[in-house]
Amino acid sequence: MLGWFQALMPKEERFFELFAQHAAVVHAGAVALEALFQGGDRIEHFCRVIFEREAEADEITRQSLTAVRRTFITPFDRTDIQDLVSSLDDSIDQMNKTAKLIALYEVKSFDLQMREMAAIAPVVAKLVQDAMPLLANIGKNGAQLHRLTEQIIVQEEKSDQLHDTGRKALFLSHRNGNAMDFIIGAEIYDHLEKVIDRFEDVANEISALVTDHL
């Protein structure tokens, strides 16, 4: 009787499609972030690209959360879906904040460590993008998902090291100079660190799903 009843209830089949769309938009934002940190005369363009991708991600988030509310049968626990969607959205939101900061202060060039941290963003975003289709069959893909999340953690640790060495170099180059340049540079480093941290959050949500379903 219960199986017959559940068969009649709304069942959302688009969750995995929405996960994939969300991850693709996040990856596009990360590619733009790396390009933004190359500096030059296209900074404004890449800031605008990130703003546009963030708006797209917000719409996908809205669709996903609406699907959670109106669907009787979901592929995972509703809270797990909401947490995964929110972590994906947080990653592009943090890129958006970083781009807004650069636009606000009209920064035109970036330290080596900043560029290297920004280059990590599309790497981890691609790992997340690769993971999304695998969630449709966690039992089969658990080991591969675990490897992907491990790679994200490795990249996050690399980002932390770049953050520390970059801030130290920034301090040494400005301790007898322009305090405002140091403050702005330090803020950019912190925003970049948070970008990669948000991808670690996505990895943690994926790991939790794997643990719960194996």
N, C-alpha and C. Protein backbone atom coordinates (compact mmCIF):
# COMPACT_ATOMS: atom_id res chain seq x y z
N MET A 1 0.82 -1.21 0.00
CA MET A 1 0.00 0.00 0.00
C MET A 1 0.86 1.26 0.00
N LEU A 2 1.92 1.25 0.86
CA LEU A 2 2.79 2.42 0.94
C LEU A 2 3.50 2.66 -0.39
N GLY A 3 3.97 1.57 -1.03
CA GLY A 3 4.65 1.72 -2.32
C GLY A 3 3.72 2.29 -3.38
N TRP A 4 2.48 1.82 -3.36
CA TRP A 4 1.48 2.34 -4.32
C TRP A 4 1.22 3.81 -4.07
N PHE A 5 1.14 4.20 -2.78
CA PHE A 5 0.88 5.59 -2.42
C PHE A 5 2.05 6.49 -2.85
N GLN A 6 3.27 6.02 -2.58
CA GLN A 6 4.45 6.81 -2.95
C GLN A 6 4.56 6.99 -4.46
N ALA A 7 4.10 5.98 -5.21
CA ALA A 7 4.18 6.07 -6.67
C ALA A 7 3.30 7.19 -7.21
N LEU A 8 2.27 7.54 -6.45
CA LEU A 8 1.36 8.60 -6.88
C LEU A 8 1.83 9.99 -6.46
N MET A 9 2.79 10.03 -5.55
CA MET A 9 3.24 11.31 -5.02
C MET A 9 4.23 11.99 -5.98
N PRO A 10 4.30 13.33 -5.92
CA PRO A 10 5.26 14.05 -6.78
C PRO A 10 6.69 13.58 -6.54
N LYS A 11 7.38 13.28 -7.60
CA LYS A 11 8.77 12.84 -7.51
C LYS A 11 9.60 13.68 -8.46
N GLU A 12 10.50 14.45 -7.90
CA GLU A 12 11.32 15.35 -8.71
C GLU A 12 12.50 14.60 -9.32
N GLU A 13 12.55 14.55 -10.64
CA GLU A 13 13.62 13.83 -11.33
C GLU A 13 14.76 14.75 -11.74
N ARG A 14 14.62 16.05 -11.47
CA ARG A 14 15.59 17.02 -11.98
C ARG A 14 16.67 17.39 -10.97
N PHE A 15 16.68 16.80 -9.81
CA PHE A 15 17.67 17.20 -8.81
C PHE A 15 19.09 17.09 -9.34
N PHE A 16 19.42 15.95 -9.94
CA PHE A 16 20.79 15.76 -10.41
C PHE A 16 21.11 16.68 -11.59
N GLU A 17 20.11 16.95 -12.40
CA GLU A 17 20.30 17.93 -13.48
C GLU A 17 20.58 19.31 -12.90
N LEU A 18 19.85 19.68 -11.85
CA LEU A 18 20.06 20.98 -11.21
C LEU A 18 21.42 21.04 -10.54
N PHE A 19 21.84 19.94 -9.89
CA PHE A 19 23.17 19.90 -9.29
C PHE A 19 24.24 20.15 -10.36
N ALA A 20 24.08 19.49 -11.50
CA ALA A 20 25.07 19.63 -12.58
C ALA A 20 25.08 21.05 -13.14
N GLN A 21 23.90 21.63 -13.32
CA GLN A 21 23.82 23.01 -13.81
C GLN A 21 24.48 23.96 -12.83
N HIS A 22 24.21 23.76 -11.56
CA HIS A 22 24.77 24.63 -10.52
C HIS A 22 26.30 24.56 -10.54
N ALA A 23 26.83 23.34 -10.59
CA ALA A 23 28.28 23.16 -10.59
C ALA A 23 28.91 23.76 -11.84
N ALA A 24 28.23 23.67 -12.98
CA ALA A 24 28.76 24.24 -14.22
C ALA A 24 28.84 25.76 -14.13
N VAL A 25 27.83 26.37 -13.54
CA VAL A 25 27.84 27.83 -13.38
C VAL A 25 28.94 28.25 -12.41
N VAL A 26 29.09 27.49 -11.34
CA VAL A 26 30.15 27.78 -10.37
C VAL A 26 31.52 27.66 -11.04
N HIS A 27 31.69 26.64 -11.87
CA HIS A 27 32.98 26.47 -12.56
C HIS A 27 33.23 27.64 -13.51
N ALA A 28 32.20 28.09 -14.22
CA ALA A 28 32.35 29.24 -15.12
C ALA A 28 32.76 30.49 -14.33
N GLY A 29 32.18 30.65 -13.16
CA GLY A 29 32.57 31.78 -12.31
C GLY A 29 34.03 31.68 -11.87
N ALA A 30 34.46 30.46 -11.55
CA ALA A 30 35.84 30.26 -11.11
C ALA A 30 36.84 30.51 -12.23
N VAL A 31 36.48 30.13 -13.45
CA VAL A 31 37.33 30.41 -14.62
C VAL A 31 37.47 31.93 -14.79
N ALA A 32 36.36 32.64 -14.63
CA ALA A 32 36.40 34.10 -14.74
C ALA A 32 37.23 34.71 -13.62
N LEU A 33 37.16 34.12 -12.42
CA LEU A 33 37.96 34.64 -11.30
C LEU A 33 39.45 34.52 -11.58
N GLU A 34 39.86 33.36 -12.11
CA GLU A 34 41.27 33.20 -12.45
C GLU A 34 41.69 34.25 -13.49
N ALA A 35 40.85 34.46 -14.50
CA ALA A 35 41.16 35.45 -15.54
C ALA A 35 41.20 36.85 -14.96
N LEU A 36 40.30 37.13 -14.05
CA LEU A 36 40.28 38.45 -13.40
C LEU A 36 41.60 38.77 -12.73
N PHE A 37 42.18 37.76 -12.08
CA PHE A 37 43.41 37.99 -11.32
C PHE A 37 44.66 38.04 -12.19
N GLN A 38 44.46 37.94 -13.51
CA GLN A 38 45.59 38.21 -14.41
C GLN A 38 45.80 39.71 -14.57
N GLY A 39 44.82 40.49 -14.09
CA GLY A 39 44.95 41.95 -14.15
C GLY A 39 44.75 42.48 -15.56
N GLY A 40 45.20 43.70 -15.78
CA GLY A 40 45.11 44.31 -17.10
C GLY A 40 43.79 45.02 -17.33
N ASP A 41 43.46 45.22 -18.59
CA ASP A 41 42.32 46.07 -18.93
C ASP A 41 40.99 45.32 -19.04
N ARG A 42 40.99 44.01 -18.71
CA ARG A 42 39.75 43.22 -18.78
C ARG A 42 39.18 42.89 -17.40
N ILE A 43 39.71 43.54 -16.38
CA ILE A 43 39.23 43.29 -15.02
C ILE A 43 37.74 43.57 -14.92
N GLU A 44 37.31 44.68 -15.43
CA GLU A 44 35.89 45.04 -15.36
C GLU A 44 35.03 44.00 -16.06
N HIS A 45 35.49 43.51 -17.19
CA HIS A 45 34.73 42.49 -17.93
C HIS A 45 34.56 41.23 -17.10
N PHE A 46 35.64 40.75 -16.49
CA PHE A 46 35.55 39.50 -15.74
C PHE A 46 34.78 39.67 -14.43
N CYS A 47 34.84 40.86 -13.85
CA CYS A 47 33.97 41.15 -12.70
C CYS A 47 32.51 40.99 -13.12
N ARG A 48 32.18 41.54 -14.27
CA ARG A 48 30.80 41.47 -14.76
C ARG A 48 30.38 40.02 -15.04
N VAL A 49 31.31 39.23 -15.58
CA VAL A 49 31.01 37.81 -15.82
C VAL A 49 30.69 37.10 -14.50
N ILE A 50 31.47 37.37 -13.48
CA ILE A 50 31.24 36.74 -12.18
C ILE A 50 29.89 37.17 -11.61
N PHE A 51 29.56 38.46 -11.74
CA PHE A 51 28.26 38.93 -11.26
C PHE A 51 27.12 38.20 -11.97
N GLU A 52 27.28 38.00 -13.27
CA GLU A 52 26.24 37.31 -14.06
C GLU A 52 26.12 35.85 -13.65
N ARG A 53 27.26 35.18 -13.43
CA ARG A 53 27.22 33.78 -13.03
C ARG A 53 26.60 33.63 -11.64
N GLU A 54 26.86 34.59 -10.78
CA GLU A 54 26.28 34.53 -9.43
C GLU A 54 24.76 34.65 -9.50
N ALA A 55 24.26 35.51 -10.39
CA ALA A 55 22.82 35.66 -10.56
C ALA A 55 22.21 34.35 -11.11
N GLU A 56 22.90 33.71 -12.04
CA GLU A 56 22.43 32.43 -12.57
C GLU A 56 22.38 31.38 -11.46
N ALA A 57 23.41 31.35 -10.63
CA ALA A 57 23.46 30.38 -9.54
C ALA A 57 22.32 30.61 -8.55
N ASP A 58 21.99 31.87 -8.29
CA ASP A 58 20.87 32.17 -7.40
C ASP A 58 19.57 31.59 -7.93
N GLU A 59 19.37 31.68 -9.25
CA GLU A 59 18.15 31.16 -9.85
C GLU A 59 18.11 29.63 -9.75
N ILE A 60 19.24 28.98 -9.97
CA ILE A 60 19.29 27.51 -9.85
C ILE A 60 19.04 27.11 -8.40
N THR A 61 19.60 27.87 -7.46
CA THR A 61 19.35 27.60 -6.04
C THR A 61 17.86 27.70 -5.74
N ARG A 62 17.22 28.72 -6.27
CA ARG A 62 15.78 28.90 -6.04
C ARG A 62 15.01 27.70 -6.59
N GLN A 63 15.37 27.26 -7.80
CA GLN A 63 14.68 26.11 -8.39
C GLN A 63 14.90 24.85 -7.55
N SER A 64 16.10 24.65 -7.08
CA SER A 64 16.42 23.45 -6.30
C SER A 64 15.65 23.43 -4.98
N LEU A 65 15.63 24.56 -4.29
CA LEU A 65 14.94 24.62 -3.00
C LEU A 65 13.43 24.52 -3.17
N THR A 66 12.92 25.05 -4.28
CA THR A 66 11.49 24.89 -4.58
C THR A 66 11.17 23.42 -4.82
N ALA A 67 12.05 22.73 -5.54
CA ALA A 67 11.85 21.30 -5.81
C ALA A 67 11.85 20.50 -4.51
N VAL A 68 12.73 20.88 -3.58
CA VAL A 68 12.77 20.19 -2.28
C VAL A 68 11.44 20.34 -1.55
N ARG A 69 10.89 21.55 -1.59
CA ARG A 69 9.65 21.81 -0.85
C ARG A 69 8.45 21.08 -1.45
N ARG A 70 8.41 20.93 -2.77
CA ARG A 70 7.20 20.40 -3.39
C ARG A 70 7.29 18.92 -3.75
N THR A 71 8.42 18.30 -3.46
CA THR A 71 8.62 16.91 -3.85
C THR A 71 8.42 15.97 -2.67
N PHE A 72 7.63 14.95 -2.87
CA PHE A 72 7.38 13.97 -1.81
C PHE A 72 8.57 13.03 -1.64
N ILE A 73 9.11 12.57 -2.75
CA ILE A 73 10.24 11.64 -2.72
C ILE A 73 11.47 12.35 -3.28
N THR A 74 12.51 12.45 -2.48
CA THR A 74 13.76 13.09 -2.89
C THR A 74 14.88 12.05 -2.88
N PRO A 75 15.92 12.23 -3.69
CA PRO A 75 16.97 11.21 -3.77
C PRO A 75 17.80 11.11 -2.48
N PHE A 76 17.88 12.21 -1.73
CA PHE A 76 18.58 12.24 -0.45
C PHE A 76 17.67 12.90 0.57
N ASP A 77 18.11 12.87 1.80
CA ASP A 77 17.42 13.62 2.83
C ASP A 77 17.30 15.09 2.42
N ARG A 78 16.17 15.71 2.70
CA ARG A 78 15.93 17.09 2.27
C ARG A 78 16.99 18.05 2.81
N THR A 79 17.37 17.85 4.05
CA THR A 79 18.38 18.72 4.65
C THR A 79 19.71 18.58 3.94
N ASP A 80 20.06 17.34 3.54
CA ASP A 80 21.31 17.11 2.82
C ASP A 80 21.30 17.83 1.47
N ILE A 81 20.17 17.80 0.78
CA ILE A 81 20.06 18.51 -0.50
C ILE A 81 20.21 20.00 -0.29
N GLN A 82 19.51 20.52 0.70
CA GLN A 82 19.59 21.96 0.98
C GLN A 82 21.01 22.37 1.34
N ASP A 83 21.71 21.54 2.12
CA ASP A 83 23.09 21.87 2.51
C ASP A 83 24.03 21.85 1.31
N LEU A 84 23.85 20.86 0.43
CA LEU A 84 24.69 20.78 -0.77
C LEU A 84 24.45 21.98 -1.67
N VAL A 85 23.20 22.30 -1.91
CA VAL A 85 22.85 23.45 -2.76
C VAL A 85 23.39 24.74 -2.16
N SER A 86 23.23 24.90 -0.85
CA SER A 86 23.70 26.12 -0.19
C SER A 86 25.21 26.25 -0.26
N SER A 87 25.93 25.12 -0.13
CA SER A 87 27.39 25.19 -0.19
C SER A 87 27.86 25.55 -1.60
N LEU A 88 27.18 25.02 -2.61
CA LEU A 88 27.51 25.42 -3.99
C LEU A 88 27.27 26.91 -4.19
N ASP A 89 26.16 27.38 -3.69
CA ASP A 89 25.83 28.80 -3.86
C ASP A 89 26.79 29.69 -3.08
N ASP A 90 27.21 29.23 -1.90
CA ASP A 90 28.17 30.01 -1.11
C ASP A 90 29.48 30.21 -1.85
N SER A 91 29.89 29.22 -2.64
CA SER A 91 31.18 29.34 -3.34
C SER A 91 31.13 30.45 -4.39
N ILE A 92 30.05 30.52 -5.16
CA ILE A 92 29.94 31.58 -6.17
C ILE A 92 29.64 32.92 -5.50
N ASP A 93 28.93 32.90 -4.37
CA ASP A 93 28.69 34.15 -3.63
C ASP A 93 30.01 34.75 -3.17
N GLN A 94 30.93 33.90 -2.72
CA GLN A 94 32.21 34.41 -2.26
C GLN A 94 33.05 34.95 -3.42
N MET A 95 32.97 34.32 -4.58
CA MET A 95 33.63 34.89 -5.76
C MET A 95 33.04 36.26 -6.09
N ASN A 96 31.74 36.36 -5.97
CA ASN A 96 31.05 37.62 -6.23
C ASN A 96 31.55 38.71 -5.28
N LYS A 97 31.69 38.39 -4.00
CA LYS A 97 32.19 39.35 -3.01
C LYS A 97 33.62 39.77 -3.35
N THR A 98 34.42 38.81 -3.81
CA THR A 98 35.81 39.11 -4.16
C THR A 98 35.87 40.07 -5.35
N ALA A 99 35.05 39.80 -6.35
CA ALA A 99 35.01 40.68 -7.53
C ALA A 99 34.51 42.08 -7.15
N LYS A 100 33.52 42.14 -6.28
CA LYS A 100 33.01 43.45 -5.84
C LYS A 100 34.08 44.24 -5.11
N LEU A 101 34.87 43.56 -4.29
CA LEU A 101 35.95 44.22 -3.56
C LEU A 101 36.98 44.81 -4.53
N ILE A 102 37.34 44.05 -5.53
CA ILE A 102 38.32 44.51 -6.51
C ILE A 102 37.77 45.69 -7.31
N ALA A 103 36.50 45.61 -7.66
CA ALA A 103 35.88 46.73 -8.39
C ALA A 103 35.81 47.97 -7.51
N LEU A 104 35.47 47.78 -6.23
CA LEU A 104 35.35 48.91 -5.31
C LEU A 104 36.67 49.66 -5.16
N TYR A 105 37.75 48.91 -4.97
CA TYR A 105 39.06 49.53 -4.73
C TYR A 105 39.84 49.79 -6.02
N GLU A 106 39.25 49.42 -7.16
CA GLU A 106 39.86 49.65 -8.46
C GLU A 106 41.28 49.07 -8.54
N VAL A 107 41.41 47.85 -8.06
CA VAL A 107 42.71 47.17 -8.09
C VAL A 107 42.99 46.73 -9.52
N LYS A 108 44.20 46.96 -9.98
CA LYS A 108 44.55 46.68 -11.37
C LYS A 108 45.62 45.60 -11.54
N SER A 109 46.33 45.28 -10.47
CA SER A 109 47.37 44.25 -10.56
C SER A 109 47.38 43.45 -9.26
N PHE A 110 47.93 42.23 -9.33
CA PHE A 110 47.83 41.31 -8.21
C PHE A 110 49.15 40.60 -7.98
N ASP A 111 49.40 40.29 -6.71
CA ASP A 111 50.62 39.56 -6.34
C ASP A 111 50.61 38.16 -6.94
N LEU A 112 51.79 37.57 -7.04
CA LEU A 112 51.93 36.21 -7.56
C LEU A 112 51.08 35.22 -6.78
N GLN A 113 51.14 35.31 -5.44
CA GLN A 113 50.39 34.34 -4.63
C GLN A 113 48.88 34.53 -4.81
N MET A 114 48.43 35.75 -5.04
CA MET A 114 47.01 35.98 -5.32
C MET A 114 46.62 35.28 -6.62
N ARG A 115 47.45 35.43 -7.63
CA ARG A 115 47.16 34.80 -8.92
C ARG A 115 47.14 33.27 -8.79
N GLU A 116 48.06 32.75 -7.99
CA GLU A 116 48.12 31.30 -7.81
C GLU A 116 46.92 30.79 -7.02
N MET A 117 46.47 31.55 -6.04
CA MET A 117 45.26 31.16 -5.30
C MET A 117 44.04 31.20 -6.21
N ALA A 118 43.93 32.24 -7.02
CA ALA A 118 42.81 32.34 -7.95
C ALA A 118 42.82 31.20 -8.95
N ALA A 119 44.01 30.73 -9.33
CA ALA A 119 44.12 29.63 -10.28
C ALA A 119 43.65 28.30 -9.69
N ILE A 120 43.61 28.21 -8.36
CA ILE A 120 43.11 27.00 -7.72
C ILE A 120 41.60 26.89 -7.86
N ALA A 121 40.91 28.04 -7.94
CA ALA A 121 39.44 28.04 -7.97
C ALA A 121 38.86 27.18 -9.10
N PRO A 122 39.30 27.35 -10.36
CA PRO A 122 38.73 26.49 -11.41
C PRO A 122 39.12 25.03 -11.28
N VAL A 123 40.24 24.77 -10.63
CA VAL A 123 40.67 23.37 -10.42
C VAL A 123 39.68 22.67 -9.49
N VAL A 124 39.41 23.30 -8.33
CA VAL A 124 38.49 22.66 -7.38
C VAL A 124 37.06 22.70 -7.91
N ALA A 125 36.72 23.75 -8.65
CA ALA A 125 35.36 23.83 -9.23
C ALA A 125 35.14 22.70 -10.22
N LYS A 126 36.17 22.35 -10.99
CA LYS A 126 36.05 21.24 -11.94
C LYS A 126 35.91 19.91 -11.20
N LEU A 127 36.60 19.75 -10.10
CA LEU A 127 36.46 18.53 -9.30
C LEU A 127 35.03 18.40 -8.77
N VAL A 128 34.47 19.52 -8.33
CA VAL A 128 33.07 19.52 -7.88
C VAL A 128 32.15 19.18 -9.05
N GLN A 129 32.41 19.78 -10.19
CA GLN A 129 31.58 19.52 -11.37
C GLN A 129 31.64 18.04 -11.75
N ASP A 130 32.82 17.44 -11.66
CA ASP A 130 32.96 16.01 -11.97
C ASP A 130 32.19 15.14 -10.97
N ALA A 131 32.06 15.63 -9.75
CA ALA A 131 31.40 14.83 -8.70
C ALA A 131 29.88 14.80 -8.85
N MET A 132 29.29 15.85 -9.38
CA MET A 132 27.84 15.96 -9.37
C MET A 132 27.11 14.79 -10.05
N PRO A 133 27.50 14.38 -11.28
CA PRO A 133 26.78 13.26 -11.91
C PRO A 133 26.93 11.95 -11.13
N LEU A 134 28.03 11.81 -10.39
CA LEU A 134 28.29 10.58 -9.66
C LEU A 134 27.34 10.40 -8.48
N LEU A 135 26.74 11.49 -8.03
CA LEU A 135 25.83 11.41 -6.88
C LEU A 135 24.56 10.63 -7.21
N ALA A 136 24.28 10.45 -8.48
CA ALA A 136 23.09 9.69 -8.88
C ALA A 136 23.21 8.21 -8.51
N ASN A 137 24.43 7.75 -8.29
CA ASN A 137 24.63 6.36 -7.88
C ASN A 137 25.81 6.30 -6.91
N ILE A 138 25.55 6.69 -5.68
CA ILE A 138 26.63 6.78 -4.69
C ILE A 138 27.19 5.40 -4.39
N GLY A 139 26.32 4.37 -4.37
CA GLY A 139 26.81 3.03 -4.08
C GLY A 139 27.88 2.58 -5.05
N LYS A 140 27.69 2.90 -6.30
CA LYS A 140 28.65 2.52 -7.34
C LYS A 140 29.84 3.46 -7.38
N ASN A 141 29.61 4.74 -7.09
CA ASN A 141 30.63 5.77 -7.32
C ASN A 141 31.27 6.29 -6.04
N GLY A 142 31.01 5.64 -4.92
CA GLY A 142 31.51 6.13 -3.64
C GLY A 142 33.02 6.33 -3.60
N ALA A 143 33.77 5.36 -4.11
CA ALA A 143 35.23 5.46 -4.07
C ALA A 143 35.72 6.63 -4.93
N GLN A 144 35.12 6.81 -6.10
CA GLN A 144 35.52 7.91 -6.97
C GLN A 144 35.17 9.26 -6.35
N LEU A 145 34.01 9.33 -5.72
CA LEU A 145 33.63 10.56 -5.04
C LEU A 145 34.61 10.88 -3.91
N HIS A 146 35.02 9.85 -3.21
CA HIS A 146 35.99 10.04 -2.13
C HIS A 146 37.30 10.58 -2.67
N ARG A 147 37.76 10.06 -3.80
CA ARG A 147 39.01 10.56 -4.40
C ARG A 147 38.88 12.02 -4.81
N LEU A 148 37.74 12.39 -5.36
CA LEU A 148 37.54 13.77 -5.79
C LEU A 148 37.55 14.72 -4.60
N THR A 149 36.88 14.34 -3.52
CA THR A 149 36.86 15.21 -2.34
C THR A 149 38.24 15.31 -1.71
N GLU A 150 38.99 14.23 -1.74
CA GLU A 150 40.37 14.28 -1.23
C GLU A 150 41.21 15.27 -2.03
N GLN A 151 41.04 15.29 -3.34
CA GLN A 151 41.79 16.22 -4.17
C GLN A 151 41.40 17.67 -3.87
N ILE A 152 40.15 17.90 -3.57
CA ILE A 152 39.72 19.26 -3.20
C ILE A 152 40.40 19.69 -1.91
N ILE A 153 40.48 18.78 -0.94
CA ILE A 153 41.12 19.10 0.33
C ILE A 153 42.60 19.43 0.12
N VAL A 154 43.26 18.67 -0.74
CA VAL A 154 44.67 18.94 -1.03
C VAL A 154 44.84 20.34 -1.61
N GLN A 155 43.97 20.71 -2.52
CA GLN A 155 44.05 22.04 -3.13
C GLN A 155 43.75 23.13 -2.11
N GLU A 156 42.84 22.86 -1.18
CA GLU A 156 42.52 23.84 -0.14
C GLU A 156 43.73 24.07 0.77
N GLU A 157 44.44 23.00 1.07
CA GLU A 157 45.65 23.13 1.89
C GLU A 157 46.72 23.94 1.16
N LYS A 158 46.83 23.73 -0.14
CA LYS A 158 47.76 24.52 -0.96
C LYS A 158 47.37 25.99 -0.92
N SER A 159 46.07 26.27 -0.99
CA SER A 159 45.59 27.65 -0.92
C SER A 159 45.94 28.28 0.41
N ASP A 160 45.81 27.53 1.49
CA ASP A 160 46.16 28.06 2.81
C ASP A 160 47.63 28.46 2.87
N GLN A 161 48.49 27.63 2.29
CA GLN A 161 49.92 27.94 2.29
C GLN A 161 50.21 29.20 1.48
N LEU A 162 49.57 29.32 0.33
CA LEU A 162 49.75 30.52 -0.49
C LEU A 162 49.24 31.76 0.23
N HIS A 163 48.13 31.61 0.93
CA HIS A 163 47.58 32.73 1.71
C HIS A 163 48.59 33.22 2.73
N ASP A 164 49.19 32.28 3.47
CA ASP A 164 50.12 32.67 4.53
C ASP A 164 51.39 33.30 3.96
N THR A 165 51.96 32.68 2.93
CA THR A 165 53.19 33.24 2.35
C THR A 165 52.91 34.57 1.65
N GLY A 166 51.74 34.67 1.02
CA GLY A 166 51.39 35.91 0.35
C GLY A 166 51.19 37.06 1.31
N ARG A 167 50.51 36.82 2.40
CA ARG A 167 50.29 37.89 3.39
C ARG A 167 51.61 38.31 4.03
N LYS A 168 52.49 37.35 4.26
CA LYS A 168 53.79 37.70 4.82
C LYS A 168 54.58 38.57 3.85
N ALA A 169 54.60 38.19 2.59
CA ALA A 169 55.31 38.99 1.58
C ALA A 169 54.67 40.37 1.45
N LEU A 170 53.36 40.43 1.55
CA LEU A 170 52.66 41.71 1.48
C LEU A 170 53.07 42.62 2.63
N PHE A 171 53.13 42.04 3.83
CA PHE A 171 53.54 42.83 5.00
C PHE A 171 54.97 43.35 4.83
N LEU A 172 55.87 42.47 4.40
CA LEU A 172 57.27 42.88 4.27
C LEU A 172 57.45 43.98 3.24
N SER A 173 56.63 43.95 2.18
CA SER A 173 56.79 44.95 1.12
C SER A 173 56.11 46.28 1.46
N HIS A 174 55.26 46.29 2.50
CA HIS A 174 54.52 47.52 2.82
C HIS A 174 54.73 48.02 4.25
N ARG A 175 55.57 47.36 5.02
CA ARG A 175 55.67 47.76 6.43
C ARG A 175 56.26 49.16 6.59
N ASN A 176 56.99 49.62 5.61
CA ASN A 176 57.51 50.99 5.67
C ASN A 176 56.91 51.86 4.57
N GLY A 177 55.77 51.38 4.02
CA GLY A 177 55.19 52.09 2.89
C GLY A 177 53.74 52.43 3.07
N ASN A 178 52.92 52.15 2.06
CA ASN A 178 51.52 52.55 2.02
C ASN A 178 50.66 51.55 2.81
N ALA A 179 50.16 52.01 3.96
CA ALA A 179 49.35 51.13 4.81
C ALA A 179 48.05 50.72 4.12
N MET A 180 47.46 51.62 3.33
CA MET A 180 46.21 51.31 2.66
C MET A 180 46.39 50.18 1.67
N ASP A 181 47.49 50.17 0.94
CA ASP A 181 47.75 49.08 0.00
C ASP A 181 47.86 47.75 0.73
N PHE A 182 48.47 47.77 1.92
CA PHE A 182 48.55 46.54 2.71
C PHE A 182 47.16 46.07 3.14
N ILE A 183 46.34 46.99 3.62
CA ILE A 183 45.00 46.64 4.10
C ILE A 183 44.17 46.04 2.97
N ILE A 184 44.21 46.69 1.81
CA ILE A 184 43.44 46.18 0.66
C ILE A 184 43.96 44.82 0.22
N GLY A 185 45.29 44.70 0.14
CA GLY A 185 45.88 43.42 -0.27
C GLY A 185 45.54 42.31 0.69
N ALA A 186 45.60 42.59 1.99
CA ALA A 186 45.27 41.58 3.00
C ALA A 186 43.82 41.16 2.88
N GLU A 187 42.94 42.11 2.58
CA GLU A 187 41.52 41.78 2.43
C GLU A 187 41.28 40.90 1.20
N ILE A 188 42.02 41.18 0.13
CA ILE A 188 41.89 40.33 -1.06
C ILE A 188 42.35 38.91 -0.76
N TYR A 189 43.48 38.79 -0.04
CA TYR A 189 43.94 37.46 0.34
C TYR A 189 42.89 36.71 1.14
N ASP A 190 42.26 37.40 2.08
CA ASP A 190 41.25 36.74 2.92
C ASP A 190 40.03 36.31 2.10
N HIS A 191 39.63 37.14 1.14
CA HIS A 191 38.51 36.77 0.28
C HIS A 191 38.85 35.55 -0.58
N LEU A 192 40.06 35.52 -1.12
CA LEU A 192 40.47 34.37 -1.92
C LEU A 192 40.51 33.10 -1.09
N GLU A 193 41.01 33.21 0.12
CA GLU A 193 41.03 32.03 1.00
C GLU A 193 39.62 31.51 1.24
N LYS A 194 38.68 32.43 1.44
CA LYS A 194 37.29 32.02 1.68
C LYS A 194 36.68 31.37 0.45
N VAL A 195 37.07 31.82 -0.74
CA VAL A 195 36.57 31.17 -1.96
C VAL A 195 36.91 29.68 -1.95
N ILE A 196 38.17 29.37 -1.69
CA ILE A 196 38.58 27.97 -1.70
C ILE A 196 38.00 27.22 -0.51
N ASP A 197 37.86 27.90 0.62
CA ASP A 197 37.23 27.27 1.79
C ASP A 197 35.80 26.84 1.48
N ARG A 198 35.09 27.65 0.70
CA ARG A 198 33.70 27.29 0.37
C ARG A 198 33.66 26.01 -0.48
N PHE A 199 34.68 25.80 -1.31
CA PHE A 199 34.74 24.55 -2.07
C PHE A 199 35.04 23.37 -1.15
N GLU A 200 35.83 23.62 -0.12
CA GLU A 200 36.04 22.57 0.88
C GLU A 200 34.71 22.21 1.55
N ASP A 201 33.87 23.21 1.79
CA ASP A 201 32.56 22.95 2.37
C ASP A 201 31.73 22.05 1.45
N VAL A 202 31.80 22.31 0.13
CA VAL A 202 31.09 21.45 -0.83
C VAL A 202 31.63 20.02 -0.73
N ALA A 203 32.95 19.89 -0.66
CA ALA A 203 33.56 18.57 -0.54
C ALA A 203 33.08 17.85 0.72
N ASN A 204 32.95 18.60 1.80
CA ASN A 204 32.48 18.00 3.05
C ASN A 204 31.03 17.53 2.94
N GLU A 205 30.21 18.29 2.22
CA GLU A 205 28.82 17.88 2.02
C GLU A 205 28.75 16.61 1.17
N ILE A 206 29.59 16.54 0.15
CA ILE A 206 29.63 15.33 -0.69
C ILE A 206 30.10 14.14 0.14
N SER A 207 31.13 14.35 0.94
CA SER A 207 31.65 13.25 1.79
C SER A 207 30.58 12.75 2.75
N ALA A 208 29.80 13.69 3.30
CA ALA A 208 28.74 13.31 4.23
C ALA A 208 27.67 12.46 3.51
N LEU A 209 27.35 12.83 2.28
CA LEU A 209 26.39 12.05 1.50
C LEU A 209 26.91 10.64 1.25
N VAL A 210 28.19 10.54 0.90
CA VAL A 210 28.79 9.23 0.64
C VAL A 210 28.73 8.38 1.90
N THR A 211 29.10 8.96 3.03
CA THR A 211 29.10 8.23 4.31
C THR A 211 27.71 7.74 4.66
N ASP A 212 26.72 8.59 4.42
CA ASP A 212 25.34 8.25 4.79
C ASP A 212 24.72 7.17 3.91
N HIS A 213 25.26 7.02 2.68
CA HIS A 213 24.60 6.13 1.72
C HIS A 213 25.42 4.89 1.35
N LEU A 214 26.51 4.66 2.08
CA LEU A 214 27.30 3.45 1.84
C LEU A 214 27.12 2.46 2.98
